Amino acid sequence: MVRVKPYYDDGKGIVIYHGDARNVCPSLPNVQHIITDPPFSDRTHRDHDASTRGHLGRGKDDADRKPLGYAAWSPEDVCWFASLACSHADGWIVAMTDHTLAPNFCEELADRGRYVFAPLPFFAPGSTVRLSGDGPCSWTTWIIVARTAALSRWGTLPGGYVAGPGWHEKSRMGGKPLPLMQCLVRDYSRPGETILDPFMGAGTTLVAAKNMGRLAIGVEVDEMACEIAAERLSQEVLAL
């Protein structure tokens, strides 16, 4: 087990660790919930990175065409994540993915005794534009949600999320908009509870947690992303 000193600690329950989640997370305490946006499948990564060749600059979807810069996930990675999440979170597990890996998330979490709901859509019209080939654009991210039996009286929650004005703004390529993460934090945690994001990126989940009165732990292997997250969290932020 590798013990890592915090990269950032605001002294009020928001902590960042710089390192690989596989090495850092085993030394972390259990939390109430996990809310995270891990890498997507190789299919999604290949399609995205291919758009950086021959379509440089800003695309029709107003997104900077830059490579994602981190490795895609395989079904084996999903298996590892499910084991980590089920051993570290006593409540909700919320993970975003693409349609290719969504069945793997559902199966792996169910195999570990979690009740897994049908994937929820995050629908962002116009978020991407198909730059080659024929067929529809991919405007949907799938949110996998699972809980323990102890949370059976949580109440009715939204069946999906639709991007509103300004929801295309991101702090890092591949990241998710702050309004979406605040919705997920609002719906899948309670004030004062602790959320773990083992693939923190630029810290949007932690910013959302801070805005919504939660505690949060983030882990990120990219030091530049940790720096961006720490800078964001050091500023006074207000819930939207």
Protein backbone atom coordinates (compact mmCIF):
# COMPACT_ATOMS: atom_id res chain seq x y z
CA MET A 1 0.00 0.00 0.00
CA VAL A 2 1.39 3.40 -1.03
CA ARG A 3 0.60 6.35 1.23
CA VAL A 4 0.61 9.69 -0.54
CA LYS A 5 0.61 13.14 1.00
CA PRO A 6 -2.16 15.45 -0.19
CA TYR A 7 -1.33 17.65 -3.14
CA TYR A 8 -3.94 20.14 -1.89
CA ASP A 9 -5.94 20.35 1.34
CA ASP A 10 -8.19 23.31 2.10
CA GLY A 11 -8.55 22.25 5.74
CA LYS A 12 -12.32 22.10 5.33
CA GLY A 13 -12.75 18.65 3.83
CA ILE A 14 -11.64 19.15 0.21
CA VAL A 15 -8.48 17.15 -0.54
CA ILE A 16 -6.54 16.35 -3.73
CA TYR A 17 -4.03 13.52 -4.18
CA HIS A 18 -1.64 13.42 -7.12
CA GLY A 19 -0.97 9.89 -8.33
CA ASP A 20 -2.39 6.82 -10.00
CA ALA A 21 -5.72 5.83 -8.43
CA ARG A 22 -4.59 2.21 -8.35
CA ASN A 23 -1.80 3.18 -5.98
CA VAL A 24 -3.45 6.00 -4.04
CA CYS A 25 -6.99 4.77 -3.40
CA PRO A 26 -6.14 1.67 -1.33
CA SER A 27 -4.71 3.98 1.36
CA LEU A 28 -7.74 6.28 1.45
CA PRO A 29 -10.57 5.99 3.97
CA ASN A 30 -14.00 4.79 2.92
CA VAL A 31 -16.46 7.44 1.75
CA GLN A 32 -20.21 7.67 1.41
CA HIS A 33 -20.31 7.99 -2.39
CA ILE A 34 -18.23 7.89 -5.57
CA ILE A 35 -19.02 10.28 -8.42
CA THR A 36 -16.55 10.15 -11.29
CA ASP A 37 -15.92 10.48 -15.02
CA PRO A 38 -13.26 7.89 -15.94
CA PRO A 39 -11.83 7.39 -19.44
CA PHE A 40 -14.16 6.04 -22.11
CA SER A 41 -13.61 3.08 -24.44
CA ASP A 42 -10.96 2.77 -27.12
CA ARG A 43 -13.65 3.30 -29.75
CA THR A 44 -14.55 6.73 -28.36
CA HIS A 45 -10.92 7.73 -27.87
CA ARG A 46 -9.95 6.69 -31.40
CA ASP A 47 -12.85 8.60 -32.93
CA HIS A 48 -12.05 11.71 -30.91
CA ASP A 49 -8.31 11.71 -31.54
CA ALA A 50 -8.82 11.01 -35.25
CA SER A 51 -10.65 14.34 -35.48
CA THR A 52 -7.44 16.14 -34.50
CA ARG A 53 -5.87 15.13 -37.83
CA GLY A 54 -7.13 17.12 -40.77
CA HIS A 55 -9.61 19.05 -38.63
CA LEU A 56 -7.29 21.23 -36.57
CA GLY A 57 -8.52 24.27 -34.69
CA ARG A 58 -12.10 24.71 -33.61
CA GLY A 59 -14.63 22.30 -35.06
CA LYS A 60 -18.27 22.91 -35.91
CA ASP A 61 -19.16 21.86 -32.37
CA ASP A 62 -17.03 24.76 -31.03
CA ALA A 63 -14.64 22.32 -29.32
CA ASP A 64 -10.87 22.53 -29.49
CA ARG A 65 -9.68 19.55 -31.51
CA LYS A 66 -6.90 18.32 -29.24
CA PRO A 67 -6.01 14.70 -28.38
CA LEU A 68 -7.45 13.51 -25.08
CA GLY A 69 -3.94 12.81 -23.77
CA TYR A 70 -4.85 9.84 -21.57
CA ALA A 71 -5.41 6.16 -22.24
CA ALA A 72 -8.76 4.60 -23.05
CA TRP A 73 -10.36 2.05 -20.75
CA SER A 74 -10.90 -1.64 -21.38
CA PRO A 75 -13.41 -4.01 -19.77
CA GLU A 76 -10.58 -5.07 -17.43
CA ASP A 77 -10.28 -1.48 -16.21
CA VAL A 78 -14.01 -1.40 -15.52
CA CYS A 79 -13.64 -4.61 -13.49
CA TRP A 80 -10.90 -3.02 -11.39
CA PHE A 81 -12.98 0.14 -10.87
CA ALA A 82 -16.03 -1.82 -9.74
CA SER A 83 -13.93 -3.66 -7.17
CA LEU A 84 -12.47 -0.37 -5.90
CA ALA A 85 -15.80 1.43 -5.80
CA CYS A 86 -17.68 -1.32 -4.01
CA SER A 87 -14.97 -1.65 -1.38
CA HIS A 88 -14.59 2.11 -0.78
CA ALA A 89 -18.12 3.54 -1.05
CA ASP A 90 -20.96 2.67 1.29
CA GLY A 91 -23.61 4.44 -0.77
CA TRP A 92 -24.01 5.57 -4.37
CA ILE A 93 -21.60 4.79 -7.19
CA VAL A 94 -22.01 7.17 -10.13
CA ALA A 95 -19.75 6.76 -13.17
CA MET A 96 -19.98 8.27 -16.65
CA THR A 97 -19.09 6.24 -19.72
CA ASP A 98 -19.91 5.58 -23.37
CA HIS A 99 -22.31 3.04 -24.86
CA THR A 100 -19.49 0.56 -25.46
CA LEU A 101 -18.49 0.15 -21.80
CA ALA A 102 -21.88 0.84 -20.19
CA PRO A 103 -22.84 -2.89 -20.16
CA ASN A 104 -19.52 -3.75 -18.48
CA PHE A 105 -20.12 -1.23 -15.70
CA CYS A 106 -23.62 -2.59 -15.10
CA GLU A 107 -22.48 -6.20 -15.03
CA GLU A 108 -19.43 -5.67 -12.82
CA LEU A 109 -21.30 -3.60 -10.23
CA ALA A 110 -24.22 -6.04 -10.15
CA ASP A 111 -21.84 -8.97 -9.70
CA ARG A 112 -20.59 -7.23 -6.53
CA GLY A 113 -24.04 -6.97 -5.03
CA ARG A 114 -25.02 -3.44 -6.04
CA TYR A 115 -28.46 -2.58 -7.36
CA VAL A 116 -27.76 -1.08 -10.80
CA PHE A 117 -30.29 1.17 -12.48
CA ALA A 118 -30.79 1.55 -16.22
CA PRO A 119 -28.11 3.94 -17.57
CA LEU A 120 -29.13 7.59 -17.40
CA PRO A 121 -28.54 9.85 -20.41
CA PHE A 122 -26.66 13.11 -20.27
CA PHE A 123 -27.90 14.60 -23.51
CA ALA A 124 -25.92 17.53 -24.88
CA PRO A 125 -27.32 18.52 -28.31
CA GLY A 126 -24.63 19.83 -30.61
CA SER A 127 -21.79 18.69 -28.35
CA THR A 128 -20.09 16.80 -31.20
CA VAL A 129 -20.16 16.79 -34.98
CA ARG A 130 -19.46 13.71 -37.09
CA LEU A 131 -16.52 14.75 -39.25
CA SER A 132 -16.36 11.65 -41.45
CA GLY A 133 -18.54 8.74 -42.46
CA ASP A 134 -22.32 8.56 -42.45
CA GLY A 135 -24.67 8.39 -39.49
CA PRO A 136 -25.78 10.25 -36.38
CA CYS A 137 -23.56 12.30 -34.12
CA SER A 138 -22.96 11.07 -30.58
CA TRP A 139 -24.59 13.56 -28.20
CA THR A 140 -25.19 11.24 -25.23
CA THR A 141 -22.98 10.29 -22.33
CA TRP A 142 -24.28 7.39 -20.23
CA ILE A 143 -24.35 7.70 -16.45
CA ILE A 144 -24.18 4.42 -14.55
CA VAL A 145 -25.81 4.61 -11.13
CA ALA A 146 -25.75 1.87 -8.49
CA ARG A 147 -26.60 1.75 -4.80
CA THR A 148 -26.56 -0.49 -1.78
CA ALA A 149 -29.72 -1.85 -0.22
CA ALA A 150 -29.31 0.63 2.64
CA LEU A 151 -30.24 3.49 0.29
CA SER A 152 -33.60 2.02 -0.74
CA ARG A 153 -35.51 5.03 0.66
CA TRP A 154 -33.50 7.75 -1.07
CA GLY A 155 -36.48 8.93 -3.09
CA THR A 156 -37.31 9.51 -6.75
CA LEU A 157 -34.52 11.11 -8.81
CA PRO A 158 -34.28 12.56 -12.34
CA GLY A 159 -34.22 10.04 -15.19
CA GLY A 160 -31.51 11.92 -17.04
CA TYR A 161 -29.98 15.33 -17.63
CA VAL A 162 -30.16 17.69 -20.62
CA ALA A 163 -27.46 20.29 -21.20
CA GLY A 164 -28.58 23.87 -20.78
CA PRO A 165 -26.99 27.18 -21.84
CA GLY A 166 -23.29 27.27 -20.93
CA TRP A 167 -23.11 23.53 -20.27
CA HIS A 168 -20.56 23.04 -23.06
CA GLU A 169 -17.93 24.94 -21.07
CA LYS A 170 -15.24 22.62 -19.71
CA SER A 171 -11.99 23.16 -17.80
CA ARG A 172 -10.20 20.27 -19.52
CA MET A 173 -10.55 18.23 -22.70
CA GLY A 174 -12.81 15.27 -21.95
CA GLY A 175 -14.18 16.85 -18.78
CA LYS A 176 -17.81 17.46 -17.85
CA PRO A 177 -19.58 20.79 -17.25
CA LEU A 178 -19.94 22.09 -13.71
CA PRO A 179 -23.76 22.33 -13.87
CA LEU A 180 -24.00 18.60 -14.63
CA MET A 181 -21.66 17.67 -11.78
CA GLN A 182 -23.62 19.87 -9.38
CA CYS A 183 -26.80 18.05 -10.38
CA LEU A 184 -25.16 14.68 -9.71
CA VAL A 185 -23.73 15.82 -6.38
CA ARG A 186 -27.13 17.23 -5.41
CA ASP A 187 -28.99 14.04 -6.36
CA TYR A 188 -26.53 11.37 -5.16
CA SER A 189 -25.22 12.75 -1.87
CA ARG A 190 -26.35 14.72 1.16
CA PRO A 191 -24.78 17.84 2.70
CA GLY A 192 -21.80 16.98 4.88
CA GLU A 193 -21.16 13.61 3.23
CA THR A 194 -17.89 12.74 1.51
CA ILE A 195 -17.54 12.05 -2.22
CA LEU A 196 -14.55 10.35 -3.84
CA ASP A 197 -13.56 11.06 -7.44
CA PRO A 198 -10.63 8.76 -8.29
CA PHE A 199 -10.27 10.27 -11.79
CA MET A 200 -10.60 13.91 -10.84
CA GLY A 201 -9.23 15.63 -13.95
CA ALA A 202 -9.46 19.39 -13.45
CA GLY A 203 -11.52 18.96 -10.28
CA THR A 204 -15.04 19.72 -11.46
CA THR A 205 -16.58 17.10 -9.13
CA LEU A 206 -14.73 18.65 -6.19
CA VAL A 207 -15.80 22.17 -7.14
CA ALA A 208 -19.39 20.93 -7.34
CA ALA A 209 -19.04 19.25 -3.95
CA LYS A 210 -17.67 22.44 -2.40
CA ASN A 211 -20.50 24.46 -3.91
CA MET A 212 -23.10 22.03 -2.60
CA GLY A 213 -21.79 21.73 0.95
CA ARG A 214 -20.17 18.30 0.63
CA LEU A 215 -16.70 17.02 1.47
CA ALA A 216 -14.64 15.53 -1.33
CA ILE A 217 -11.47 13.63 -2.14
CA GLY A 218 -9.97 13.74 -5.62
CA VAL A 219 -7.22 11.61 -7.15
CA GLU A 220 -5.53 12.51 -10.44
CA VAL A 221 -2.43 11.17 -12.19
CA ASP A 222 -1.85 14.31 -14.30
CA GLU A 223 -0.03 16.92 -12.22
CA MET A 224 -1.05 19.77 -14.51
CA ALA A 225 -4.69 18.84 -13.98
CA CYS A 226 -4.06 18.78 -10.21
CA GLU A 227 -2.66 22.29 -10.47
CA ILE A 228 -5.73 23.50 -12.35
CA ALA A 229 -8.03 21.85 -9.81
CA ALA A 230 -6.17 23.33 -6.84
CA GLU A 231 -6.38 26.80 -8.38
CA ARG A 232 -10.11 26.43 -8.98
CA LEU A 233 -10.73 25.19 -5.45
CA SER A 234 -8.69 27.98 -3.88
CA GLN A 235 -11.15 30.52 -5.23
CA GLU A 236 -14.46 31.37 -3.69
CA VAL A 237 -17.15 29.56 -5.66
CA LEU A 238 -20.92 29.78 -5.53
CA ALA A 239 -23.50 27.20 -6.55
CA LEU A 240 -25.25 27.96 -9.84
